[in-house]
Amino acid sequence: MTSTATEARDPQFGLALVGAAVAVVIWGASGVLINKIDMGGLAIAVYRFWIYAIVLVLWMRTRGIRVTRELMRNTAAGGIALGLDVALFFSAVKETTIVNATVISALQPVLVGAVAWRFFGERVRSRDIFLAAMAIVATLVVVAAGTDQAEWNLFGDLLAVGSVIAWSGYFVFSKASRGVVTSSEYTLGTALWTCLITTPLAMAFGQDLSWPSATNWAWLIVLALSAGVFGHVVMNWSLVRIPLWLGSTLTLLIPVSAATLAWIFLDQALTVVQVVAMVAVIATLALLVSGQTMEQKAPVAEPL
């Protein structure tokens, strides 16, 4: 499969780029919201995604779209990948620092970039590879600078590594869903699959699934509607309109958002080195996006 001029020149490219950036910033806030909820990681995932799925089912029914066996079959791969990612990530942020968990998860461009080239025919310019590499190096600096914090835990970091593999799969299957299901249908199907995966896992690992307190319910609903419904709907819509590698690289904004919000609301320390590294991430991604925008505006010679 190769990228075409028509796909590259999607008239909604600019809006999709903004949507992807907004989605990843909101996802960065999820670690802070999870930390506010006094429940086990998998228990949070179960409640969050059932709320998320129910809202989507009701919304899709107003549009005349129902859950069918075909829809579930077409979204199985992405749903399973997302379910595993959620189970691993939600557990990781309970074991290690939010910064470490989100930064490790945001390293997915390394995996996704290779897949985008091999299966989607996406060609990346040397300049863009250099900028993406610089952003990844900056995120690694954030991780290294945060390992002396009391909250750091090796097991939590390993959970985050497993999460990034599953997270990469979710992005790839999202891109591959174009022409098979709509972005809304894909979001609905993957939400239901995530519920089916995280619920038995939570039970198997002895998670307390008892009725949450009023405070926990409030945070769960905020988490489900923001990072869940809004974040995934917007990102899935954007991914079929921009290059997969670019959408994946934008996830490097997640640790910047997470670290900033954790510093503001959870009093998690930020070192000077981390701040400088986060500024470097933002700067390199700004250059990357600017270059892509200019390329989209450049005239392309029509074939004779």
Protein backbone atom coordinates (compact mmCIF):
# COMPACT_ATOMS: atom_id res chain seq x y z
CA MET A 1 0.00 0.00 0.00
CA THR A 2 1.41 3.38 -0.94
CA SER A 3 0.42 6.91 -0.09
CA THR A 4 -1.21 8.82 -2.93
CA ALA A 5 -1.17 12.49 -3.79
CA THR A 6 -4.89 12.63 -3.05
CA GLU A 7 -4.40 11.23 0.46
CA ALA A 8 -1.45 13.54 1.14
CA ARG A 9 -3.48 16.52 0.00
CA ASP A 10 -6.55 15.80 2.11
CA PRO A 11 -8.43 19.12 2.30
CA GLN A 12 -8.88 18.58 6.03
CA PHE A 13 -5.18 18.00 6.67
CA GLY A 14 -4.72 21.18 8.72
CA LEU A 15 -7.75 20.52 10.90
CA ALA A 16 -6.66 16.90 11.39
CA LEU A 17 -3.21 18.05 12.46
CA VAL A 18 -4.72 20.37 15.07
CA GLY A 19 -7.07 17.60 16.20
CA ALA A 20 -4.22 15.14 16.71
CA ALA A 21 -2.24 17.70 18.71
CA VAL A 22 -5.21 18.52 20.94
CA ALA A 23 -5.92 14.82 21.49
CA VAL A 24 -2.40 14.02 22.68
CA VAL A 25 -2.34 16.99 25.05
CA ILE A 26 -5.60 15.76 26.60
CA TRP A 27 -4.17 12.23 26.83
CA GLY A 28 -1.27 13.71 28.77
CA ALA A 29 -3.76 14.84 31.40
CA SER A 30 -5.07 11.28 31.87
CA GLY A 31 -2.14 10.31 34.10
CA VAL A 32 -2.98 13.13 36.49
CA LEU A 33 -6.68 12.19 36.49
CA ILE A 34 -5.84 8.52 37.15
CA ASN A 35 -3.70 9.53 40.11
CA LYS A 36 -6.68 11.41 41.58
CA ILE A 37 -8.79 8.24 41.66
CA ASP A 38 -8.41 6.05 44.73
CA MET A 39 -8.79 2.72 42.91
CA GLY A 40 -6.55 0.07 41.36
CA GLY A 41 -5.23 0.70 37.86
CA LEU A 42 -7.28 -2.00 36.15
CA ALA A 43 -10.39 -1.09 38.13
CA ILE A 44 -10.07 2.46 36.83
CA ALA A 45 -9.70 1.12 33.29
CA VAL A 46 -12.84 -1.01 33.65
CA TYR A 47 -15.04 1.79 34.90
CA ARG A 48 -13.54 4.41 32.59
CA PHE A 49 -14.09 2.34 29.44
CA TRP A 50 -17.58 1.14 30.34
CA ILE A 51 -18.60 4.78 30.80
CA TYR A 52 -16.80 5.61 27.56
CA ALA A 53 -18.45 2.72 25.66
CA ILE A 54 -21.97 3.42 26.96
CA VAL A 55 -21.72 7.08 25.96
CA LEU A 56 -20.54 6.09 22.47
CA VAL A 57 -23.27 3.45 22.04
CA LEU A 58 -25.97 6.00 22.92
CA TRP A 59 -24.41 8.65 20.70
CA MET A 60 -24.08 6.29 17.72
CA ARG A 61 -27.69 5.11 18.11
CA THR A 62 -28.85 8.69 17.60
CA ARG A 63 -27.06 8.48 14.24
CA GLY A 64 -28.71 5.17 13.37
CA ILE A 65 -25.55 3.09 13.92
CA ARG A 66 -25.77 -0.07 16.02
CA VAL A 67 -23.24 -2.55 17.32
CA THR A 68 -23.09 -5.52 14.94
CA ARG A 69 -21.03 -8.66 14.68
CA GLU A 70 -19.35 -7.25 11.56
CA LEU A 71 -18.40 -4.03 13.36
CA MET A 72 -16.86 -6.00 16.23
CA ARG A 73 -14.95 -8.21 13.80
CA ASN A 74 -13.58 -5.25 11.85
CA THR A 75 -12.38 -3.50 15.01
CA ALA A 76 -11.06 -6.56 16.87
CA ALA A 77 -7.34 -6.02 16.19
CA GLY A 78 -7.37 -2.37 17.22
CA GLY A 79 -9.61 -3.08 20.21
CA ILE A 80 -7.40 -5.85 21.56
CA ALA A 81 -4.31 -3.65 21.15
CA LEU A 82 -6.01 -0.77 22.94
CA GLY A 83 -7.26 -3.04 25.72
CA LEU A 84 -3.77 -4.35 26.42
CA ASP A 85 -2.32 -0.85 26.26
CA VAL A 86 -4.87 0.47 28.74
CA ALA A 87 -4.39 -2.42 31.17
CA LEU A 88 -0.61 -1.98 31.13
CA PHE A 89 -0.55 1.82 31.19
CA PHE A 90 -3.13 2.25 33.94
CA SER A 91 -1.10 -0.15 36.08
CA ALA A 92 2.18 1.56 35.17
CA VAL A 93 1.12 4.99 36.44
CA LYS A 94 0.30 3.40 39.79
CA GLU A 95 3.82 1.93 40.04
CA THR A 96 6.14 4.59 38.65
CA THR A 97 6.14 8.35 38.06
CA ILE A 98 3.54 9.76 35.69
CA VAL A 99 6.36 11.40 33.73
CA ASN A 100 8.20 8.12 33.18
CA ALA A 101 5.08 6.15 32.27
CA THR A 102 3.87 8.70 29.74
CA VAL A 103 7.30 9.38 28.24
CA ILE A 104 7.99 5.69 27.65
CA SER A 105 4.55 5.28 26.07
CA ALA A 106 5.23 8.28 23.86
CA LEU A 107 8.27 6.59 22.31
CA GLN A 108 6.00 4.77 19.90
CA PRO A 109 7.22 6.74 16.81
CA VAL A 110 10.22 4.40 16.71
CA LEU A 111 7.94 1.40 16.17
CA VAL A 112 5.21 3.11 14.18
CA GLY A 113 7.63 4.81 11.81
CA ALA A 114 8.97 1.47 10.60
CA VAL A 115 5.47 0.07 10.09
CA ALA A 116 4.29 3.23 8.30
CA TRP A 117 7.15 2.89 5.81
CA ARG A 118 6.75 -0.87 5.31
CA PHE A 119 2.97 -1.22 5.06
CA PHE A 120 1.63 2.23 4.15
CA GLY A 121 4.41 3.38 1.86
CA GLU A 122 4.97 6.59 3.81
CA ARG A 123 8.25 8.26 2.90
CA VAL A 124 9.83 10.49 5.51
CA ARG A 125 12.30 13.22 4.57
CA SER A 126 15.75 13.21 6.19
CA ARG A 127 14.94 16.54 7.85
CA ASP A 128 11.83 15.08 9.47
CA ILE A 129 13.69 11.98 10.64
CA PHE A 130 16.30 14.22 12.25
CA LEU A 131 13.67 16.37 14.01
CA ALA A 132 11.73 13.31 15.22
CA ALA A 133 14.96 11.77 16.53
CA MET A 134 15.80 14.98 18.38
CA ALA A 135 12.35 14.97 19.99
CA ILE A 136 12.75 11.34 21.05
CA VAL A 137 16.18 12.05 22.54
CA ALA A 138 14.66 14.93 24.49
CA THR A 139 11.98 12.64 25.93
CA LEU A 140 14.67 10.17 26.98
CA VAL A 141 16.37 13.00 28.85
CA VAL A 142 13.12 13.64 30.71
CA VAL A 143 13.03 9.95 31.74
CA ALA A 144 16.66 9.92 32.85
CA ALA A 145 16.19 13.09 34.85
CA GLY A 146 13.18 11.64 36.63
CA THR A 147 14.59 8.29 37.77
CA ASP A 148 15.88 9.67 41.05
CA GLN A 149 12.39 10.54 42.24
CA ALA A 150 10.91 8.52 45.08
CA GLU A 151 7.97 7.45 42.93
CA TRP A 152 10.17 5.75 40.30
CA ASN A 153 9.86 1.99 40.04
CA LEU A 154 11.51 -0.37 37.52
CA PHE A 155 8.49 -2.69 37.37
CA GLY A 156 6.29 0.27 36.52
CA ASP A 157 8.64 1.26 33.69
CA LEU A 158 8.53 -2.30 32.31
CA LEU A 159 4.73 -2.16 32.31
CA ALA A 160 5.01 1.08 30.34
CA VAL A 161 7.28 -0.64 27.77
CA GLY A 162 4.62 -3.30 27.20
CA SER A 163 2.07 -0.52 26.90
CA VAL A 164 3.97 1.27 24.12
CA ILE A 165 4.06 -1.89 22.01
CA ALA A 166 0.30 -2.32 22.28
CA TRP A 167 -0.25 1.43 21.81
CA SER A 168 1.72 1.32 18.55
CA GLY A 169 -0.50 -1.50 17.32
CA TYR A 170 -3.61 0.56 18.05
CA PHE A 171 -2.31 3.44 15.89
CA VAL A 172 -1.42 1.12 13.01
CA PHE A 173 -4.84 -0.56 13.04
CA SER A 174 -6.51 2.86 13.26
CA LYS A 175 -4.80 3.90 10.03
CA ALA A 176 -5.62 0.58 8.37
CA SER A 177 -9.33 0.93 9.21
CA ARG A 178 -9.86 3.57 6.52
CA GLY A 179 -12.35 2.28 3.97
CA VAL A 180 -13.44 -0.55 6.27
CA VAL A 181 -15.25 1.34 9.03
CA THR A 182 -15.74 5.02 9.79
CA SER A 183 -13.59 6.64 12.46
CA SER A 184 -16.64 6.81 14.78
CA GLU A 185 -17.42 3.11 14.26
CA TYR A 186 -13.77 2.24 14.88
CA THR A 187 -13.80 4.23 18.12
CA LEU A 188 -17.01 2.51 19.26
CA GLY A 189 -15.78 -1.00 18.44
CA THR A 190 -12.39 -0.55 20.08
CA ALA A 191 -14.04 0.87 23.22
CA LEU A 192 -16.23 -2.23 23.56
CA TRP A 193 -13.27 -4.56 22.94
CA THR A 194 -11.31 -2.73 25.63
CA CYS A 195 -14.15 -3.31 28.09
CA LEU A 196 -14.20 -7.02 27.23
CA ILE A 197 -10.44 -7.29 27.82
CA THR A 198 -9.95 -5.16 30.92
CA THR A 199 -12.95 -6.47 32.89
CA PRO A 200 -11.84 -10.14 33.13
CA LEU A 201 -8.21 -9.06 33.64
CA ALA A 202 -9.24 -6.88 36.58
CA MET A 203 -11.18 -9.80 38.09
CA ALA A 204 -8.30 -12.24 37.50
CA PHE A 205 -5.84 -9.95 39.28
CA GLY A 206 -8.15 -9.39 42.23
CA GLN A 207 -8.93 -5.74 41.56
CA ASP A 208 -11.62 -4.22 43.77
CA LEU A 209 -14.51 -3.47 41.39
CA SER A 210 -16.94 -2.39 44.10
CA TRP A 211 -19.08 0.70 43.55
CA PRO A 212 -16.82 3.81 43.50
CA SER A 213 -17.24 6.70 45.90
CA ALA A 214 -18.89 9.91 44.71
CA THR A 215 -15.48 11.57 44.33
CA ASN A 216 -14.10 8.67 42.33
CA TRP A 217 -17.20 8.67 40.11
CA ALA A 218 -16.68 12.35 39.34
CA TRP A 219 -13.06 11.82 38.27
CA LEU A 220 -13.96 8.67 36.32
CA ILE A 221 -16.58 10.54 34.31
CA VAL A 222 -14.17 13.40 33.58
CA LEU A 223 -11.52 10.87 32.51
CA ALA A 224 -13.95 8.93 30.29
CA LEU A 225 -15.37 11.97 28.53
CA SER A 226 -12.09 13.88 28.03
CA ALA A 227 -9.24 11.46 27.36
CA GLY A 228 -11.71 8.75 26.32
CA VAL A 229 -14.57 9.97 24.15
CA PHE A 230 -13.10 13.26 22.96
CA GLY A 231 -9.46 12.17 22.71
CA HIS A 232 -10.04 8.92 20.82
CA VAL A 233 -12.78 10.20 18.51
CA VAL A 234 -10.65 13.16 17.46
CA MET A 235 -7.43 11.16 17.07
CA ASN A 236 -9.06 8.34 15.08
CA TRP A 237 -10.64 10.91 12.77
CA SER A 238 -7.28 12.66 12.35
CA LEU A 239 -5.17 9.54 11.75
CA VAL A 240 -6.85 8.71 8.44
CA ARG A 241 -6.16 12.25 7.18
CA ILE A 242 -2.50 12.73 8.14
CA PRO A 243 0.57 10.46 7.76
CA LEU A 244 0.65 7.74 10.40
CA TRP A 245 4.25 8.54 11.38
CA LEU A 246 3.34 12.20 11.93
CA GLY A 247 0.35 11.39 14.15
CA SER A 248 2.53 9.02 16.12
CA THR A 249 5.34 11.56 16.50
CA LEU A 250 2.89 14.11 17.90
CA THR A 251 2.36 11.79 20.87
CA LEU A 252 5.66 13.17 22.15
CA LEU A 253 3.54 16.06 23.42
CA ILE A 254 1.97 13.67 25.95
CA PRO A 255 4.87 13.73 28.44
CA VAL A 256 5.12 17.51 28.19
CA SER A 257 1.45 17.83 29.08
CA ALA A 258 1.67 15.12 31.75
CA ALA A 259 4.77 16.53 33.43
CA THR A 260 3.42 20.06 33.49
CA LEU A 261 0.07 19.05 34.95
CA ALA A 262 1.67 16.66 37.45
CA TRP A 263 3.87 19.53 38.62
CA ILE A 264 0.88 21.88 38.95
CA PHE A 265 -1.68 19.53 40.53
CA LEU A 266 0.31 16.69 42.14
CA ASP A 267 3.41 18.55 43.26
CA GLN A 268 5.69 16.13 41.40
CA ALA A 269 9.09 17.76 41.03
CA LEU A 270 10.48 19.01 37.73
CA THR A 271 14.22 19.52 37.36
CA VAL A 272 15.82 22.18 35.20
CA VAL A 273 17.02 19.44 32.85
CA GLN A 274 13.47 18.12 32.44
CA VAL A 275 12.12 21.59 31.70
CA VAL A 276 14.82 22.21 29.07
CA ALA A 277 14.12 18.80 27.52
CA MET A 278 10.39 19.49 27.34
CA VAL A 279 11.03 22.83 25.65
CA ALA A 280 13.21 20.97 23.13
CA VAL A 281 10.36 18.52 22.43
CA ILE A 282 7.93 21.34 21.76
CA ALA A 283 10.41 23.23 19.58
CA THR A 284 11.34 20.24 17.40
CA LEU A 285 7.71 19.19 16.97
CA ALA A 286 6.80 22.76 16.01
CA LEU A 287 9.46 22.67 13.29
CA LEU A 288 8.26 19.25 12.16
CA VAL A 289 4.64 20.34 11.90
CA SER A 290 5.62 23.60 10.20
CA GLY A 291 7.54 21.68 7.55
CA GLN A 292 4.62 19.35 6.92
CA THR A 293 2.20 22.27 6.61
CA MET A 294 4.44 24.01 4.09
CA GLU A 295 4.77 20.78 2.10
CA GLN A 296 0.99 20.46 1.94
CA LYS A 297 0.69 24.01 0.59
CA ALA A 298 3.42 23.54 -2.02
CA PRO A 299 2.13 22.97 -5.57
CA VAL A 300 2.50 19.48 -6.92
CA ALA A 301 3.11 18.93 -10.63
CA GLU A 302 0.35 16.93 -12.28
CA PRO A 303 1.44 13.80 -14.18
CA LEU A 304 1.49 14.16 -17.96
